[in-house]
């Protein structure tokens, strides 16, 4: 289940958030090495990350706005979650 993967990442790194590529890899059941960072447009809200899958060419968009993370791959929202401080539970809405 995607939610438990994010909990595991947060438990392993209680004082920091996993890298965007690590979270993307967990949600898509790939490895961080499968993705390359891209330059992309800035939404003006939070921090934006753009990535491309090396094998398939699919593009991913991640946005971290305060304590909220959204991940979309090829325009399909895969993950939408509040990321609380510390190791508390993650309230996730996967699509």
N, C-alpha and C. Protein backbone atom coordinates (compact mmCIF):
# COMPACT_ATOMS: atom_id res chain seq x y z
N UNK A 1 0.84 -1.17 0.00
CA UNK A 1 0.00 0.00 0.00
C UNK A 1 0.89 1.24 0.00
N UNK A 2 0.58 2.20 -0.81
CA UNK A 2 1.42 3.39 -0.96
C UNK A 2 1.55 4.17 0.34
N UNK A 3 0.49 4.27 1.10
CA UNK A 3 0.54 5.03 2.33
C UNK A 3 1.58 4.46 3.29
N UNK A 4 1.66 3.13 3.41
CA UNK A 4 2.62 2.53 4.33
C UNK A 4 4.06 2.76 3.87
N UNK A 5 4.30 2.84 2.59
CA UNK A 5 5.64 3.12 2.08
C UNK A 5 6.09 4.50 2.52
N UNK A 6 5.22 5.48 2.42
CA UNK A 6 5.57 6.83 2.84
C UNK A 6 5.80 6.86 4.35
N UNK A 7 5.01 6.14 5.13
CA UNK A 7 5.23 6.06 6.58
C UNK A 7 6.61 5.50 6.87
N UNK A 8 7.01 4.44 6.13
CA UNK A 8 8.31 3.84 6.35
C UNK A 8 9.43 4.84 6.05
N UNK A 9 9.30 5.59 4.97
CA UNK A 9 10.31 6.60 4.65
C UNK A 9 10.40 7.65 5.75
N UNK A 10 9.24 8.08 6.24
CA UNK A 10 9.24 9.11 7.28
C UNK A 10 9.83 8.57 8.58
N UNK A 11 9.52 7.31 8.92
CA UNK A 11 10.07 6.73 10.15
C UNK A 11 11.58 6.60 10.07
N UNK A 12 12.09 6.32 8.88
CA UNK A 12 13.54 6.18 8.69
C UNK A 12 14.24 7.53 8.75
N UNK A 13 13.52 8.59 8.46
CA UNK A 13 14.10 9.93 8.44
C UNK A 13 13.23 10.86 9.27
N UNK A 14 13.22 10.71 10.61
CA UNK A 14 12.27 11.45 11.43
C UNK A 14 12.43 12.96 11.41
N UNK A 15 13.62 13.45 11.14
CA UNK A 15 13.82 14.90 11.18
C UNK A 15 13.91 15.55 9.80
N UNK A 16 13.66 14.78 8.77
CA UNK A 16 13.69 15.35 7.43
C UNK A 16 12.78 14.55 6.53
N UNK A 17 12.40 15.14 5.42
CA UNK A 17 11.54 14.46 4.45
C UNK A 17 12.43 13.74 3.45
N UNK A 18 11.99 12.59 2.99
CA UNK A 18 12.75 11.86 1.97
C UNK A 18 12.88 12.73 0.73
N UNK A 19 13.90 12.47 -0.08
CA UNK A 19 14.09 13.26 -1.29
C UNK A 19 12.90 13.05 -2.22
N UNK A 20 12.61 14.02 -3.06
CA UNK A 20 11.49 13.88 -3.99
C UNK A 20 11.60 12.63 -4.86
N UNK A 21 12.82 12.30 -5.30
CA UNK A 21 12.98 11.11 -6.13
C UNK A 21 12.69 9.84 -5.35
N UNK A 22 13.03 9.81 -4.05
CA UNK A 22 12.74 8.64 -3.22
C UNK A 22 11.24 8.44 -3.04
N UNK A 23 10.53 9.53 -2.82
CA UNK A 23 9.08 9.44 -2.67
C UNK A 23 8.44 9.02 -3.99
N UNK A 24 8.85 9.64 -5.09
CA UNK A 24 8.33 9.28 -6.41
C UNK A 24 8.57 7.81 -6.70
N UNK A 25 9.77 7.33 -6.42
CA UNK A 25 10.09 5.92 -6.65
C UNK A 25 9.20 5.01 -5.80
N UNK A 26 8.97 5.37 -4.56
CA UNK A 26 8.13 4.55 -3.69
C UNK A 26 6.69 4.49 -4.20
N UNK A 27 6.16 5.61 -4.61
CA UNK A 27 4.77 5.67 -5.07
C UNK A 27 4.58 4.92 -6.39
N UNK A 28 5.61 4.93 -7.23
CA UNK A 28 5.49 4.30 -8.55
C UNK A 28 6.11 2.90 -8.60
N UNK A 29 6.59 2.41 -7.45
CA UNK A 29 7.20 1.07 -7.38
C UNK A 29 8.39 0.95 -8.34
N UNK A 30 9.21 1.99 -8.36
CA UNK A 30 10.44 2.00 -9.15
C UNK A 30 11.58 2.33 -8.20
N UNK A 31 12.76 2.62 -8.74
CA UNK A 31 13.85 3.08 -7.89
C UNK A 31 14.18 4.53 -8.24
N UNK A 32 14.79 5.23 -7.30
CA UNK A 32 15.13 6.63 -7.53
C UNK A 32 16.07 6.77 -8.73
N UNK A 33 16.90 5.76 -8.97
CA UNK A 33 17.83 5.80 -10.10
C UNK A 33 17.11 5.73 -11.45
N UNK A 34 15.85 5.28 -11.45
CA UNK A 34 15.07 5.19 -12.68
C UNK A 34 14.61 6.56 -13.17
N UNK A 35 14.71 7.58 -12.32
CA UNK A 35 14.19 8.91 -12.63
C UNK A 35 15.32 9.92 -12.74
N UNK A 36 15.18 10.85 -13.66
CA UNK A 36 16.12 11.95 -13.78
C UNK A 36 15.39 13.26 -13.55
N UNK A 37 16.04 14.19 -12.90
CA UNK A 37 15.44 15.50 -12.64
C UNK A 37 15.41 16.32 -13.92
N UNK A 38 14.36 17.10 -14.07
CA UNK A 38 14.19 17.98 -15.23
C UNK A 38 13.98 19.41 -14.76
N UNK A 39 14.27 20.35 -15.63
CA UNK A 39 13.86 21.73 -15.39
C UNK A 39 12.43 21.83 -15.87
N UNK A 40 11.58 22.43 -15.08
CA UNK A 40 10.18 22.58 -15.46
C UNK A 40 9.65 23.91 -14.98
N UNK A 41 8.44 24.22 -15.37
CA UNK A 41 7.85 25.50 -14.94
C UNK A 41 7.62 25.53 -13.44
N UNK A 42 7.60 26.73 -12.90
CA UNK A 42 7.36 26.94 -11.48
C UNK A 42 5.90 27.31 -11.29
N UNK A 43 5.19 26.56 -10.44
CA UNK A 43 3.77 26.83 -10.22
C UNK A 43 3.55 28.09 -9.39
N UNK A 44 4.60 28.54 -8.68
CA UNK A 44 4.45 29.70 -7.82
C UNK A 44 3.90 29.35 -6.45
N UNK A 45 3.63 28.07 -6.22
CA UNK A 45 3.10 27.61 -4.93
C UNK A 45 3.98 26.47 -4.45
N UNK A 46 4.62 26.64 -3.30
CA UNK A 46 5.46 25.57 -2.77
C UNK A 46 6.70 25.35 -3.63
N UNK A 47 7.21 24.13 -3.56
CA UNK A 47 8.40 23.74 -4.31
C UNK A 47 8.00 22.71 -5.35
N UNK A 48 8.40 22.94 -6.59
CA UNK A 48 8.06 22.04 -7.70
C UNK A 48 9.26 21.19 -8.10
N UNK A 49 8.98 19.94 -8.42
CA UNK A 49 10.01 19.02 -8.92
C UNK A 49 9.46 18.36 -10.19
N UNK A 50 10.27 18.31 -11.23
CA UNK A 50 9.91 17.65 -12.48
C UNK A 50 10.92 16.55 -12.74
N UNK A 51 10.42 15.37 -13.15
CA UNK A 51 11.30 14.23 -13.38
C UNK A 51 10.82 13.46 -14.61
N UNK A 52 11.74 12.71 -15.21
CA UNK A 52 11.40 11.83 -16.33
C UNK A 52 11.92 10.43 -16.02
N UNK A 53 11.08 9.43 -16.30
CA UNK A 53 11.49 8.04 -16.11
C UNK A 53 12.43 7.69 -17.25
N UNK A 54 13.60 7.18 -16.92
CA UNK A 54 14.63 6.90 -17.93
C UNK A 54 14.19 5.82 -18.92
N UNK A 55 13.41 4.84 -18.48
CA UNK A 55 13.01 3.74 -19.35
C UNK A 55 11.79 4.02 -20.20
N UNK A 56 10.78 4.67 -19.60
CA UNK A 56 9.51 4.87 -20.30
C UNK A 56 9.32 6.26 -20.87
N UNK A 57 10.09 7.23 -20.35
CA UNK A 57 9.93 8.61 -20.79
C UNK A 57 8.77 9.33 -20.12
N UNK A 58 8.06 8.65 -19.20
CA UNK A 58 6.95 9.30 -18.50
C UNK A 58 7.49 10.44 -17.65
N UNK A 59 6.71 11.52 -17.60
CA UNK A 59 7.12 12.67 -16.82
C UNK A 59 6.30 12.76 -15.54
N UNK A 60 6.99 13.10 -14.47
CA UNK A 60 6.35 13.21 -13.16
C UNK A 60 6.49 14.64 -12.66
N UNK A 61 5.47 15.07 -11.94
CA UNK A 61 5.45 16.38 -11.32
C UNK A 61 5.16 16.19 -9.84
N UNK A 62 6.01 16.76 -8.99
CA UNK A 62 5.81 16.72 -7.55
C UNK A 62 5.74 18.16 -7.06
N UNK A 63 4.81 18.41 -6.15
CA UNK A 63 4.70 19.73 -5.54
C UNK A 63 4.60 19.55 -4.03
N UNK A 64 5.53 20.17 -3.33
CA UNK A 64 5.51 20.17 -1.87
C UNK A 64 5.18 21.59 -1.42
N UNK A 65 3.97 21.76 -0.89
CA UNK A 65 3.50 23.07 -0.44
C UNK A 65 3.25 22.99 1.06
N UNK A 66 4.14 23.58 1.82
CA UNK A 66 4.13 23.51 3.28
C UNK A 66 4.15 22.03 3.68
N UNK A 67 3.08 21.48 4.21
CA UNK A 67 3.06 20.08 4.63
C UNK A 67 2.20 19.22 3.72
N UNK A 68 2.07 19.60 2.47
CA UNK A 68 1.21 18.85 1.55
C UNK A 68 2.01 18.45 0.30
N UNK A 69 1.98 17.16 -0.03
CA UNK A 69 2.71 16.64 -1.18
C UNK A 69 1.73 16.09 -2.21
N UNK A 70 1.89 16.50 -3.45
CA UNK A 70 1.10 15.98 -4.57
C UNK A 70 2.07 15.42 -5.60
N UNK A 71 1.76 14.23 -6.13
CA UNK A 71 2.58 13.59 -7.17
C UNK A 71 1.67 13.20 -8.32
N UNK A 72 2.05 13.62 -9.53
CA UNK A 72 1.34 13.24 -10.75
C UNK A 72 2.34 12.68 -11.74
N UNK A 73 1.94 11.64 -12.47
CA UNK A 73 2.76 11.08 -13.53
C UNK A 73 1.94 11.10 -14.81
N UNK A 74 2.50 11.73 -15.84
CA UNK A 74 1.81 11.92 -17.12
C UNK A 74 0.39 12.47 -16.92
N UNK A 75 0.26 13.44 -16.01
CA UNK A 75 -1.00 14.12 -15.78
C UNK A 75 -1.98 13.39 -14.86
N UNK A 76 -1.66 12.18 -14.44
CA UNK A 76 -2.54 11.42 -13.55
C UNK A 76 -2.05 11.57 -12.11
N UNK A 77 -2.92 12.10 -11.23
CA UNK A 77 -2.55 12.28 -9.84
C UNK A 77 -2.47 10.91 -9.17
N UNK A 78 -1.28 10.58 -8.64
CA UNK A 78 -1.07 9.30 -7.99
C UNK A 78 -1.04 9.41 -6.48
N UNK A 79 -0.70 10.59 -5.98
CA UNK A 79 -0.52 10.74 -4.54
C UNK A 79 -0.87 12.15 -4.13
N UNK A 80 -1.59 12.26 -3.04
CA UNK A 80 -2.03 13.54 -2.52
C UNK A 80 -2.09 13.39 -1.01
N UNK A 81 -1.12 13.95 -0.28
CA UNK A 81 -1.05 13.66 1.15
C UNK A 81 -0.57 14.85 1.96
N UNK A 82 -1.07 14.91 3.17
CA UNK A 82 -0.54 15.83 4.16
C UNK A 82 0.65 15.14 4.79
N UNK A 83 1.76 15.86 4.88
CA UNK A 83 2.98 15.29 5.44
C UNK A 83 3.24 15.99 6.77
N UNK A 84 2.84 15.38 7.88
CA UNK A 84 3.03 16.03 9.17
C UNK A 84 4.48 16.03 9.60
N UNK A 85 4.84 16.90 10.51
CA UNK A 85 6.19 16.94 11.05
C UNK A 85 6.46 15.68 11.86
N UNK A 86 7.71 15.27 11.92
CA UNK A 86 8.07 14.09 12.71
C UNK A 86 7.61 12.80 12.08
N UNK A 87 7.28 11.84 12.90
CA UNK A 87 6.94 10.51 12.40
C UNK A 87 5.47 10.18 12.56
N UNK A 88 4.64 11.17 12.74
CA UNK A 88 3.21 10.93 12.91
C UNK A 88 2.60 10.31 11.68
N UNK A 89 1.34 9.91 11.75
CA UNK A 89 0.69 9.25 10.61
C UNK A 89 0.54 10.18 9.43
N UNK A 90 0.57 9.60 8.24
CA UNK A 90 0.37 10.34 7.00
C UNK A 90 -1.07 10.11 6.57
N UNK A 91 -1.78 11.21 6.31
CA UNK A 91 -3.15 11.09 5.82
C UNK A 91 -3.07 11.15 4.30
N UNK A 92 -3.16 10.00 3.65
CA UNK A 92 -2.93 9.94 2.21
C UNK A 92 -4.21 9.70 1.45
N UNK A 93 -4.26 10.26 0.28
CA UNK A 93 -5.37 10.03 -0.66
C UNK A 93 -4.73 9.63 -1.99
N UNK A 94 -4.63 8.32 -2.24
CA UNK A 94 -4.03 7.88 -3.49
C UNK A 94 -5.11 7.75 -4.53
N UNK A 95 -4.75 8.00 -5.76
CA UNK A 95 -5.70 7.93 -6.87
C UNK A 95 -5.24 6.91 -7.87
